[in-house]
Amino acid sequence: MAQDALTTTAESFPFAEGKGLKGFVTDWSADKQAFEVHWGKAMMWVFLLSDIFIFSCFLTGYMTVRLSTTEPWPNPSEVFALTIFGNHIPLILIAIMTFVLISSSGTMAMAVNFGYRRDKKKTAALLLTTAAFGASFVGMQAFEWTKLIVEEGVRPWSNPMGARQFGSTFFMITGFHGAHVTAGVIYLLVVAKRVMTGFYDRKGSYDTVEICGLYWHFVDLVWVFIFAFFYLW
């Protein structure tokens, strides 16, 4: 009786042509997966959405502090400059960091492509290359922090070059992003190991490689915003 009522209800819709809508109603009422979306992808999108809110709050707070402070704000071109062979080059380290991270997006995209082709060797090699790029970025960021703390005397609570909020916002935003990159490098290494051992072949799906790619592309995109707001403004 219930099945007859369900069929009648589905057929009563004006859009129920063929078995598309009826199949949807049947699957939904039978507690089946109505939308073919991998649960890992769905959870990653939820996580990334929450991260978007967090980074948006950080950058909005930075802009508010930057515009409202009465003390002079340090010039990023001078603060993050390096002297190489006697030449004072502004933002050279930041430019290299940005190039490395953007390049890692390319290797990550190729890793996902070869993952769906079931090419284990190339997928693992590209994942390891992406992880190497990420580790290089974290290493350069550690050098940047060391220079600011040791040579410039910048602290989260003080700044000898001007507005004291500079140190707190810088370490908070770049530190939070750096933690994401570090977690991403670990994630990449784990996925690369599983690709090499044939874990995803036995599982019958390389969706985890794509999920890892979603996370990594998000981390790279966030850095573009940090670069534009913090270093170029």
Protein backbone atom coordinates (compact mmCIF):
# COMPACT_ATOMS: atom_id res chain seq x y z
CA MET A 1 0.00 0.00 0.00
CA ALA A 2 2.79 2.43 0.94
CA GLN A 3 4.70 1.58 -2.23
CA ASP A 4 1.59 2.23 -4.34
CA ALA A 5 1.12 5.60 -2.64
CA LEU A 6 4.77 6.48 -3.26
CA THR A 7 4.51 5.55 -6.93
CA THR A 8 1.32 7.56 -7.31
CA THR A 9 2.94 10.56 -5.61
CA ALA A 10 5.99 10.41 -7.86
CA GLU A 11 3.86 10.06 -10.98
CA SER A 12 1.67 13.01 -9.95
CA PHE A 13 4.58 15.49 -10.33
CA PRO A 14 4.47 17.35 -13.65
CA PHE A 15 8.24 16.89 -14.07
CA ALA A 16 8.20 13.12 -13.59
CA GLU A 17 9.10 12.06 -17.09
CA GLY A 18 10.96 8.78 -17.45
CA LYS A 19 12.37 7.35 -14.24
CA GLY A 20 14.63 10.19 -13.08
CA LEU A 21 12.41 11.78 -10.45
CA LYS A 22 10.74 8.49 -9.49
CA GLY A 23 14.16 6.93 -8.99
CA PHE A 24 15.20 9.89 -6.83
CA VAL A 25 12.07 9.61 -4.66
CA THR A 26 12.50 5.84 -4.34
CA ASP A 27 16.14 6.11 -3.31
CA TRP A 28 15.42 8.92 -0.87
CA SER A 29 12.55 7.07 0.78
CA ALA A 30 14.59 3.86 0.93
CA ASP A 31 17.40 5.68 2.80
CA LYS A 32 19.85 5.17 -0.04
CA GLN A 33 22.53 7.52 -1.31
CA ALA A 34 20.50 9.89 -3.46
CA PHE A 35 23.47 12.06 -4.49
CA GLU A 36 26.63 10.30 -5.67
CA VAL A 37 29.14 12.39 -3.71
CA HIS A 38 32.04 10.75 -1.88
CA TRP A 39 31.64 11.35 1.85
CA GLY A 40 35.29 12.42 2.09
CA LYS A 41 34.77 15.17 -0.49
CA ALA A 42 31.66 16.39 1.32
CA MET A 43 33.48 16.53 4.65
CA MET A 44 36.47 18.29 3.08
CA TRP A 45 34.18 20.95 1.61
CA VAL A 46 32.60 21.45 5.05
CA PHE A 47 36.06 21.80 6.59
CA LEU A 48 37.21 24.24 3.91
CA LEU A 49 34.06 26.31 4.34
CA SER A 50 34.78 26.66 8.05
CA ASP A 51 38.39 27.61 7.24
CA ILE A 52 37.17 30.28 4.82
CA PHE A 53 35.28 31.91 7.70
CA ILE A 54 38.35 31.77 9.96
CA PHE A 55 40.77 33.26 7.43
CA SER A 56 38.17 35.88 6.46
CA CYS A 57 37.93 36.92 10.11
CA PHE A 58 41.72 37.10 10.38
CA LEU A 59 42.12 39.25 7.26
CA THR A 60 39.18 41.47 8.21
CA GLY A 61 40.72 41.96 11.66
CA TYR A 62 44.05 42.80 10.03
CA MET A 63 42.46 45.43 7.80
CA THR A 64 40.58 46.92 10.75
CA VAL A 65 43.73 47.17 12.86
CA ARG A 66 45.76 48.53 9.96
CA LEU A 67 43.26 51.29 9.22
CA SER A 68 42.50 52.23 12.83
CA THR A 69 45.98 52.33 14.38
CA THR A 70 47.41 55.77 15.16
CA GLU A 71 51.03 54.57 15.05
CA PRO A 72 52.90 54.31 11.73
CA TRP A 73 52.61 50.92 10.08
CA PRO A 74 55.92 49.37 8.95
CA ASN A 75 56.56 49.29 5.21
CA PRO A 76 56.45 45.59 4.19
CA SER A 77 58.82 46.24 1.28
CA GLU A 78 61.48 47.32 3.75
CA VAL A 79 60.67 44.88 6.55
CA PHE A 80 60.76 41.81 4.28
CA ALA A 81 63.70 42.88 2.13
CA LEU A 82 66.92 40.90 1.85
CA THR A 83 70.44 42.04 1.01
CA ILE A 84 71.94 39.74 -1.64
CA PHE A 85 75.45 40.42 -2.96
CA GLY A 86 75.23 43.94 -1.63
CA ASN A 87 71.87 44.64 -3.30
CA HIS A 88 68.83 45.51 -1.18
CA ILE A 89 65.96 43.58 -2.79
CA PRO A 90 62.43 44.11 -1.38
CA LEU A 91 60.08 41.14 -0.97
CA ILE A 92 62.44 38.76 -2.78
CA LEU A 93 61.92 35.96 -0.26
CA ILE A 94 58.14 36.43 -0.29
CA ALA A 95 58.13 36.33 -4.09
CA ILE A 96 60.06 33.04 -4.06
CA MET A 97 57.71 31.59 -1.45
CA THR A 98 54.70 32.56 -3.55
CA PHE A 99 56.23 31.07 -6.70
CA VAL A 100 56.99 27.80 -4.89
CA LEU A 101 53.47 27.49 -3.50
CA ILE A 102 51.78 28.31 -6.81
CA SER A 103 54.05 25.79 -8.57
CA SER A 104 52.94 23.17 -6.06
CA SER A 105 49.34 23.68 -7.20
CA GLY A 106 50.41 22.63 -10.68
CA THR A 107 52.11 19.45 -9.49
CA MET A 108 49.10 18.67 -7.29
CA ALA A 109 46.73 19.04 -10.23
CA MET A 110 48.88 16.67 -12.30
CA ALA A 111 48.96 14.19 -9.40
CA VAL A 112 45.15 14.11 -9.34
CA ASN A 113 45.08 13.65 -13.12
CA PHE A 114 47.47 10.69 -13.05
CA GLY A 115 45.66 9.30 -10.02
CA TYR A 116 42.47 8.90 -12.00
CA ARG A 117 44.52 7.25 -14.74
CA ARG A 118 45.72 4.75 -12.10
CA ASP A 119 49.37 5.61 -12.82
CA LYS A 120 50.88 4.90 -9.41
CA LYS A 121 54.46 5.93 -10.14
CA LYS A 122 53.67 9.34 -11.60
CA THR A 123 50.98 10.04 -9.00
CA ALA A 124 53.31 9.24 -6.12
CA ALA A 125 56.19 11.18 -7.67
CA LEU A 126 54.03 14.28 -8.16
CA LEU A 127 52.62 14.02 -4.63
CA LEU A 128 56.16 13.85 -3.24
CA THR A 129 57.17 16.80 -5.41
CA THR A 130 54.22 18.79 -4.06
CA ALA A 131 55.21 17.85 -0.51
CA ALA A 132 58.78 19.00 -1.23
CA PHE A 133 57.46 22.36 -2.44
CA GLY A 134 55.36 22.66 0.70
CA ALA A 135 58.27 21.78 2.98
CA SER A 136 60.43 24.36 1.19
CA PHE A 137 57.75 26.98 1.78
CA VAL A 138 57.61 26.17 5.49
CA GLY A 139 61.41 26.32 5.69
CA MET A 140 61.49 29.76 4.08
CA GLN A 141 58.73 30.92 6.40
CA ALA A 142 60.77 29.73 9.39
CA PHE A 143 63.72 31.75 8.06
CA GLU A 144 61.45 34.78 7.67
CA TRP A 145 60.20 34.45 11.25
CA THR A 146 63.75 34.02 12.59
CA LYS A 147 64.90 37.16 10.80
CA LEU A 148 62.01 39.21 12.18
CA ILE A 149 62.42 37.94 15.74
CA VAL A 150 66.20 37.85 16.04
CA GLU A 151 67.33 40.69 13.76
CA GLU A 152 64.37 43.07 13.79
CA GLY A 153 63.15 42.41 17.35
CA VAL A 154 59.51 41.95 16.36
CA ARG A 155 57.31 40.18 18.92
CA PRO A 156 53.57 39.39 19.02
CA TRP A 157 53.20 42.08 21.72
CA SER A 158 55.74 44.66 20.49
CA ASN A 159 57.34 46.08 17.37
CA PRO A 160 60.32 48.46 17.35
CA MET A 161 59.50 49.59 13.80
CA GLY A 162 56.09 51.11 14.53
CA ALA A 163 52.61 49.85 15.34
CA ARG A 164 52.78 47.03 17.85
CA GLN A 165 49.79 45.32 16.22
CA PHE A 166 52.03 44.50 13.28
CA GLY A 167 53.72 41.63 15.11
CA SER A 168 50.54 40.12 16.52
CA THR A 169 48.66 40.12 13.21
CA PHE A 170 51.67 38.89 11.25
CA PHE A 171 52.48 35.93 13.48
CA MET A 172 48.82 35.01 13.88
CA ILE A 173 47.92 35.00 10.18
CA THR A 174 51.12 33.56 8.71
CA GLY A 175 51.48 31.09 11.59
CA PHE A 176 47.97 29.75 11.10
CA HIS A 177 48.57 29.40 7.37
CA GLY A 178 51.96 27.79 7.98
CA ALA A 179 50.30 25.22 10.24
CA HIS A 180 47.93 24.38 7.37
CA VAL A 181 50.84 23.93 4.97
CA THR A 182 52.66 21.70 7.46
CA ALA A 183 49.55 19.56 7.93
CA GLY A 184 49.18 19.41 4.16
CA VAL A 185 52.75 18.16 3.72
CA ILE A 186 52.10 15.35 6.21
CA TYR A 187 48.82 14.56 4.44
CA LEU A 188 50.62 14.42 1.07
CA LEU A 189 53.29 12.07 2.39
CA VAL A 190 50.69 9.69 3.82
CA VAL A 191 48.69 9.65 0.57
CA ALA A 192 51.87 9.18 -1.50
CA LYS A 193 52.86 6.19 0.63
CA ARG A 194 49.44 4.63 0.18
CA VAL A 195 49.60 5.18 -3.57
CA MET A 196 53.00 3.44 -3.76
CA THR A 197 51.84 0.47 -1.67
CA GLY A 198 48.75 -0.02 -3.86
CA PHE A 199 46.27 0.81 -1.08
CA TYR A 200 43.96 2.75 -3.41
CA ASP A 201 44.15 0.04 -6.07
CA ARG A 202 42.83 -2.48 -3.57
CA LYS A 203 40.24 0.03 -2.44
CA GLY A 204 39.21 0.61 -6.04
CA SER A 205 39.19 4.41 -5.83
CA TYR A 206 41.67 7.29 -6.01
CA ASP A 207 39.19 9.82 -4.59
CA THR A 208 41.50 10.50 -1.63
CA VAL A 209 44.08 11.99 -4.01
CA GLU A 210 41.46 14.44 -5.28
CA ILE A 211 40.39 15.26 -1.71
CA CYS A 212 44.02 15.97 -0.86
CA GLY A 213 44.15 18.20 -3.93
CA LEU A 214 41.13 20.20 -2.76
CA TYR A 215 42.87 20.93 0.54
CA TRP A 216 46.15 21.87 -1.10
CA HIS A 217 44.60 24.20 -3.67
CA PHE A 218 42.71 25.93 -0.86
CA VAL A 219 45.93 26.47 1.11
CA ASP A 220 47.58 27.95 -1.98
CA LEU A 221 44.63 30.25 -2.69
CA VAL A 222 44.63 31.54 0.89
CA TRP A 223 48.31 32.44 0.55
CA VAL A 224 47.51 34.58 -2.52
CA PHE A 225 45.13 36.64 -0.36
CA ILE A 226 47.67 36.87 2.47
CA PHE A 227 50.33 37.95 -0.01
CA ALA A 228 48.08 40.66 -1.44
CA PHE A 229 46.79 41.97 1.90
CA PHE A 230 49.85 41.70 4.12
CA TYR A 231 52.85 42.12 1.85
CA LEU A 232 51.65 44.28 -1.06
CA TRP A 233 49.35 46.64 0.85
